[in-house]
Structure formats: C-alpha cells, structure tokens
Amino acid sequence: MSTYIADEIRAYGTIRDLALAEAERITNTLNLQRARISNEFVENALKPARSPYESQHLPEGDAARERQRCEAVKVRLSLLHAHLAAMSREHVQAA
C-alpha cells in the first residue's frame, strides 16, 4: 500500500509540473490557477499522515525534495502572475 501511495503522490507531482509548463507556455489566468491548485494538492499530500494512515507517505528524502519543488513552483507562479498583470496593464494603457 505504501508504494502505491508514494507512486500516486509522484504522479500528482508530475501533473503539477505539466500544469506549470503549460502556464509558462501560455500564461493566462486559467493555466495559472490550474498550476496553483495542482501545487497545493501536492503540498497537502506531503503533510504528515495521521492515524491510521502513517504508512501512506513518501520516504522523507523524497518528501523533502517535493516540498522544495513546491516552494519553487510558488515562486515561479508568482512571477508569472506579475508578468500577466504587467501585460494586462500595458494592454489597457495602449487602448
């Protein structure tokens, strides 16, 4: 069961990475929202499990790397949001 859960968490991490790549390729509100939600889901999956689910987690080394990745994704999403807001302001000013 533990291996299944770890594989599932890794799969969600991959989905998050794909959502981020799409948001970077096409930066719009919807893609940024998808990437944010995906990242939050992975973060929640990395929280310590409570009884009776303690055995359902990533090994700590993998979890630590994923937590760092989640933080890096938050920073990247912040930058993309700022870029999108700047582009919107420029579009309004040009009109």
N, C-alpha and C. Protein backbone atom coordinates (compact mmCIF):
# COMPACT_ATOMS: atom_id res chain seq x y z
N MET A 1 0.82 -1.20 0.00
CA MET A 1 0.00 0.00 0.00
C MET A 1 0.86 1.26 0.00
N SER A 2 1.93 1.27 0.77
CA SER A 2 2.81 2.43 0.87
C SER A 2 3.41 2.80 -0.48
N THR A 3 3.83 1.80 -1.25
CA THR A 3 4.41 2.05 -2.57
C THR A 3 3.37 2.65 -3.50
N TYR A 4 2.16 2.16 -3.43
CA TYR A 4 1.08 2.69 -4.26
C TYR A 4 0.85 4.16 -3.95
N ILE A 5 0.80 4.51 -2.68
CA ILE A 5 0.57 5.90 -2.28
C ILE A 5 1.73 6.79 -2.74
N ALA A 6 2.96 6.32 -2.55
CA ALA A 6 4.13 7.10 -2.98
C ALA A 6 4.09 7.33 -4.49
N ASP A 7 3.73 6.30 -5.25
CA ASP A 7 3.62 6.46 -6.71
C ASP A 7 2.53 7.45 -7.08
N GLU A 8 1.43 7.41 -6.33
CA GLU A 8 0.33 8.33 -6.59
C GLU A 8 0.75 9.78 -6.31
N ILE A 9 1.45 10.01 -5.22
CA ILE A 9 1.93 11.36 -4.91
C ILE A 9 2.90 11.83 -5.99
N ARG A 10 3.78 10.96 -6.43
CA ARG A 10 4.71 11.32 -7.51
C ARG A 10 3.95 11.66 -8.80
N ALA A 11 2.89 10.92 -9.07
CA ALA A 11 2.07 11.20 -10.27
C ALA A 11 1.45 12.59 -10.18
N TYR A 12 0.96 12.95 -8.99
CA TYR A 12 0.40 14.30 -8.81
C TYR A 12 1.49 15.36 -8.99
N GLY A 13 2.70 15.05 -8.56
CA GLY A 13 3.81 15.97 -8.79
C GLY A 13 4.08 16.16 -10.27
N THR A 14 3.98 15.09 -11.03
CA THR A 14 4.16 15.19 -12.48
C THR A 14 3.05 16.01 -13.11
N ILE A 15 1.82 15.80 -12.66
CA ILE A 15 0.70 16.60 -13.16
C ILE A 15 0.93 18.07 -12.85
N ARG A 16 1.41 18.37 -11.64
CA ARG A 16 1.72 19.74 -11.26
C ARG A 16 2.77 20.34 -12.19
N ASP A 17 3.82 19.56 -12.47
CA ASP A 17 4.89 20.05 -13.36
C ASP A 17 4.38 20.30 -14.77
N LEU A 18 3.48 19.45 -15.24
CA LEU A 18 2.88 19.66 -16.57
C LEU A 18 2.00 20.91 -16.58
N ALA A 19 1.25 21.12 -15.50
CA ALA A 19 0.40 22.32 -15.41
C ALA A 19 1.26 23.58 -15.38
N LEU A 20 2.38 23.53 -14.67
CA LEU A 20 3.29 24.68 -14.63
C LEU A 20 3.89 24.94 -16.00
N ALA A 21 4.30 23.88 -16.70
CA ALA A 21 4.87 24.04 -18.04
C ALA A 21 3.85 24.67 -18.98
N GLU A 22 2.59 24.25 -18.87
CA GLU A 22 1.54 24.84 -19.71
C GLU A 22 1.33 26.31 -19.35
N ALA A 23 1.37 26.63 -18.06
CA ALA A 23 1.21 28.02 -17.63
C ALA A 23 2.37 28.88 -18.12
N GLU A 24 3.55 28.31 -18.19
CA GLU A 24 4.69 29.06 -18.70
C GLU A 24 4.60 29.23 -20.22
N ARG A 25 4.06 28.23 -20.89
CA ARG A 25 3.93 28.29 -22.35
C ARG A 25 2.82 29.27 -22.74
N ILE A 26 1.68 29.13 -22.08
CA ILE A 26 0.54 30.02 -22.34
C ILE A 26 0.12 30.60 -20.99
N THR A 27 0.60 31.80 -20.70
CA THR A 27 0.33 32.41 -19.42
C THR A 27 -1.02 33.12 -19.46
N ASN A 28 -1.98 32.50 -18.82
CA ASN A 28 -3.29 33.12 -18.65
C ASN A 28 -3.83 32.72 -17.28
N THR A 29 -4.89 33.35 -16.88
CA THR A 29 -5.43 33.13 -15.54
C THR A 29 -5.80 31.68 -15.30
N LEU A 30 -6.42 31.04 -16.27
CA LEU A 30 -6.85 29.65 -16.11
C LEU A 30 -5.67 28.71 -15.90
N ASN A 31 -4.64 28.85 -16.72
CA ASN A 31 -3.46 27.98 -16.58
C ASN A 31 -2.72 28.22 -15.27
N LEU A 32 -2.64 29.47 -14.85
CA LEU A 32 -2.01 29.77 -13.57
C LEU A 32 -2.81 29.16 -12.41
N GLN A 33 -4.12 29.23 -12.51
CA GLN A 33 -4.99 28.65 -11.48
C GLN A 33 -4.81 27.13 -11.42
N ARG A 34 -4.76 26.49 -12.57
CA ARG A 34 -4.56 25.03 -12.61
C ARG A 34 -3.23 24.64 -11.95
N ALA A 35 -2.19 25.38 -12.27
CA ALA A 35 -0.88 25.07 -11.70
C ALA A 35 -0.87 25.31 -10.19
N ARG A 36 -1.51 26.37 -9.74
CA ARG A 36 -1.58 26.66 -8.31
C ARG A 36 -2.33 25.57 -7.56
N ILE A 37 -3.46 25.16 -8.09
CA ILE A 37 -4.26 24.12 -7.45
C ILE A 37 -3.49 22.80 -7.41
N SER A 38 -2.83 22.48 -8.50
CA SER A 38 -2.02 21.25 -8.54
C SER A 38 -0.91 21.29 -7.50
N ASN A 39 -0.25 22.43 -7.39
CA ASN A 39 0.84 22.57 -6.43
C ASN A 39 0.31 22.45 -4.99
N GLU A 40 -0.82 23.07 -4.72
CA GLU A 40 -1.40 22.98 -3.38
C GLU A 40 -1.79 21.54 -3.04
N PHE A 41 -2.29 20.81 -4.04
CA PHE A 41 -2.65 19.42 -3.81
C PHE A 41 -1.43 18.61 -3.41
N VAL A 42 -0.32 18.80 -4.14
CA VAL A 42 0.91 18.08 -3.82
C VAL A 42 1.39 18.46 -2.42
N GLU A 43 1.37 19.75 -2.11
CA GLU A 43 1.78 20.19 -0.77
C GLU A 43 0.96 19.50 0.32
N ASN A 44 -0.34 19.43 0.12
CA ASN A 44 -1.20 18.78 1.11
C ASN A 44 -0.90 17.29 1.23
N ALA A 45 -0.55 16.66 0.13
CA ALA A 45 -0.22 15.23 0.15
C ALA A 45 1.08 14.96 0.89
N LEU A 46 1.91 15.99 1.06
CA LEU A 46 3.20 15.83 1.72
C LEU A 46 3.14 16.07 3.22
N LYS A 47 2.01 16.51 3.71
CA LYS A 47 1.87 16.72 5.16
C LYS A 47 1.93 15.38 5.86
N PRO A 48 2.43 15.36 7.09
CA PRO A 48 2.48 14.09 7.83
C PRO A 48 1.09 13.47 7.95
N ALA A 49 1.02 12.19 7.69
CA ALA A 49 -0.26 11.48 7.76
C ALA A 49 -0.64 11.21 9.22
N ARG A 50 -1.93 11.25 9.48
CA ARG A 50 -2.43 10.95 10.82
C ARG A 50 -2.91 9.51 10.87
N SER A 51 -3.06 9.03 12.06
CA SER A 51 -3.53 7.67 12.28
C SER A 51 -4.88 7.49 11.57
N PRO A 52 -5.11 6.42 10.93
CA PRO A 52 -4.33 5.19 10.74
C PRO A 52 -3.55 5.18 9.43
N TYR A 53 -3.19 6.35 8.91
CA TYR A 53 -2.58 6.44 7.58
C TYR A 53 -1.07 6.69 7.59
N GLU A 54 -0.41 6.50 8.71
CA GLU A 54 1.01 6.83 8.83
C GLU A 54 1.88 6.15 7.78
N SER A 55 1.50 4.97 7.34
CA SER A 55 2.34 4.24 6.38
C SER A 55 2.16 4.75 4.95
N GLN A 56 1.23 5.65 4.74
CA GLN A 56 0.95 6.13 3.40
C GLN A 56 1.63 7.48 3.17
N HIS A 57 2.89 7.44 2.83
CA HIS A 57 3.63 8.68 2.62
C HIS A 57 4.84 8.41 1.72
N LEU A 58 5.46 9.47 1.29
CA LEU A 58 6.72 9.37 0.55
C LEU A 58 7.84 9.18 1.56
N PRO A 59 8.91 8.51 1.17
CA PRO A 59 10.08 8.50 2.04
C PRO A 59 10.52 9.95 2.31
N GLU A 60 11.05 10.23 3.49
CA GLU A 60 11.33 11.61 3.89
C GLU A 60 12.24 12.35 2.92
N GLY A 61 13.25 11.68 2.37
CA GLY A 61 14.12 12.34 1.40
C GLY A 61 13.36 12.82 0.18
N ASP A 62 12.47 11.96 -0.34
CA ASP A 62 11.64 12.33 -1.49
C ASP A 62 10.67 13.44 -1.12
N ALA A 63 10.08 13.34 0.07
CA ALA A 63 9.13 14.36 0.51
C ALA A 63 9.82 15.72 0.65
N ALA A 64 11.03 15.73 1.17
CA ALA A 64 11.77 16.99 1.32
C ALA A 64 12.04 17.62 -0.04
N ARG A 65 12.44 16.80 -1.01
CA ARG A 65 12.67 17.32 -2.37
C ARG A 65 11.37 17.87 -2.97
N GLU A 66 10.28 17.16 -2.76
CA GLU A 66 8.99 17.63 -3.29
C GLU A 66 8.56 18.93 -2.62
N ARG A 67 8.81 19.06 -1.32
CA ARG A 67 8.47 20.32 -0.64
C ARG A 67 9.27 21.48 -1.23
N GLN A 68 10.55 21.25 -1.52
CA GLN A 68 11.37 22.29 -2.15
C GLN A 68 10.83 22.62 -3.53
N ARG A 69 10.42 21.61 -4.26
CA ARG A 69 9.86 21.84 -5.60
C ARG A 69 8.57 22.65 -5.49
N CYS A 70 7.74 22.34 -4.50
CA CYS A 70 6.50 23.11 -4.30
C CYS A 70 6.80 24.58 -4.04
N GLU A 71 7.81 24.85 -3.23
CA GLU A 71 8.20 26.23 -2.97
C GLU A 71 8.70 26.91 -4.24
N ALA A 72 9.48 26.20 -5.03
CA ALA A 72 9.99 26.76 -6.29
C ALA A 72 8.84 27.04 -7.26
N VAL A 73 7.85 26.17 -7.28
CA VAL A 73 6.69 26.39 -8.14
C VAL A 73 5.92 27.63 -7.69
N LYS A 74 5.78 27.82 -6.38
CA LYS A 74 5.10 29.03 -5.87
C LYS A 74 5.80 30.29 -6.34
N VAL A 75 7.12 30.29 -6.29
CA VAL A 75 7.90 31.45 -6.74
C VAL A 75 7.67 31.68 -8.23
N ARG A 76 7.75 30.62 -9.01
CA ARG A 76 7.57 30.74 -10.46
C ARG A 76 6.15 31.25 -10.78
N LEU A 77 5.15 30.73 -10.09
CA LEU A 77 3.78 31.18 -10.32
C LEU A 77 3.61 32.65 -9.94
N SER A 78 4.27 33.08 -8.90
CA SER A 78 4.24 34.49 -8.51
C SER A 78 4.79 35.37 -9.63
N LEU A 79 5.90 34.94 -10.18
CA LEU A 79 6.50 35.71 -11.28
C LEU A 79 5.59 35.73 -12.51
N LEU A 80 4.97 34.59 -12.80
CA LEU A 80 4.06 34.54 -13.95
C LEU A 80 2.83 35.41 -13.72
N HIS A 81 2.30 35.42 -12.49
CA HIS A 81 1.17 36.31 -12.17
C HIS A 81 1.58 37.77 -12.37
N ALA A 82 2.75 38.13 -11.91
CA ALA A 82 3.23 39.51 -12.06
C ALA A 82 3.37 39.87 -13.54
N HIS A 83 3.90 38.94 -14.31
CA HIS A 83 4.05 39.17 -15.76
C HIS A 83 2.68 39.36 -16.40
N LEU A 84 1.73 38.50 -16.06
CA LEU A 84 0.39 38.61 -16.62
C LEU A 84 -0.26 39.94 -16.24
N ALA A 85 -0.08 40.36 -15.00
CA ALA A 85 -0.65 41.65 -14.56
C ALA A 85 0.00 42.81 -15.31
N ALA A 86 1.29 42.75 -15.52
CA ALA A 86 2.01 43.81 -16.25
C ALA A 86 1.51 43.85 -17.70
N MET A 87 1.34 42.71 -18.30
CA MET A 87 0.86 42.66 -19.69
C MET A 87 -0.56 43.24 -19.78
N SER A 88 -1.39 42.95 -18.78
CA SER A 88 -2.75 43.49 -18.77
C SER A 88 -2.75 45.00 -18.65
N ARG A 89 -1.86 45.52 -17.77
CA ARG A 89 -1.75 46.98 -17.61
C ARG A 89 -1.29 47.63 -18.92
N GLU A 90 -0.31 47.02 -19.55
CA GLU A 90 0.19 47.57 -20.83
C GLU A 90 -0.91 47.56 -21.89
N HIS A 91 -1.70 46.49 -21.90
CA HIS A 91 -2.79 46.38 -22.86
C HIS A 91 -3.82 47.47 -22.63
N VAL A 92 -4.15 47.74 -21.37
CA VAL A 92 -5.12 48.78 -21.02
C VAL A 92 -4.58 50.15 -21.38
N GLN A 93 -3.30 50.39 -21.09
CA GLN A 93 -2.71 51.69 -21.41
C GLN A 93 -2.64 51.93 -22.91
N ALA A 94 -2.42 50.89 -23.68
CA ALA A 94 -2.33 51.02 -25.13
C ALA A 94 -3.68 51.32 -25.75
N ALA A 95 -4.76 50.91 -25.06
CA ALA A 95 -6.11 51.08 -25.62
C ALA A 95 -6.65 52.45 -25.43
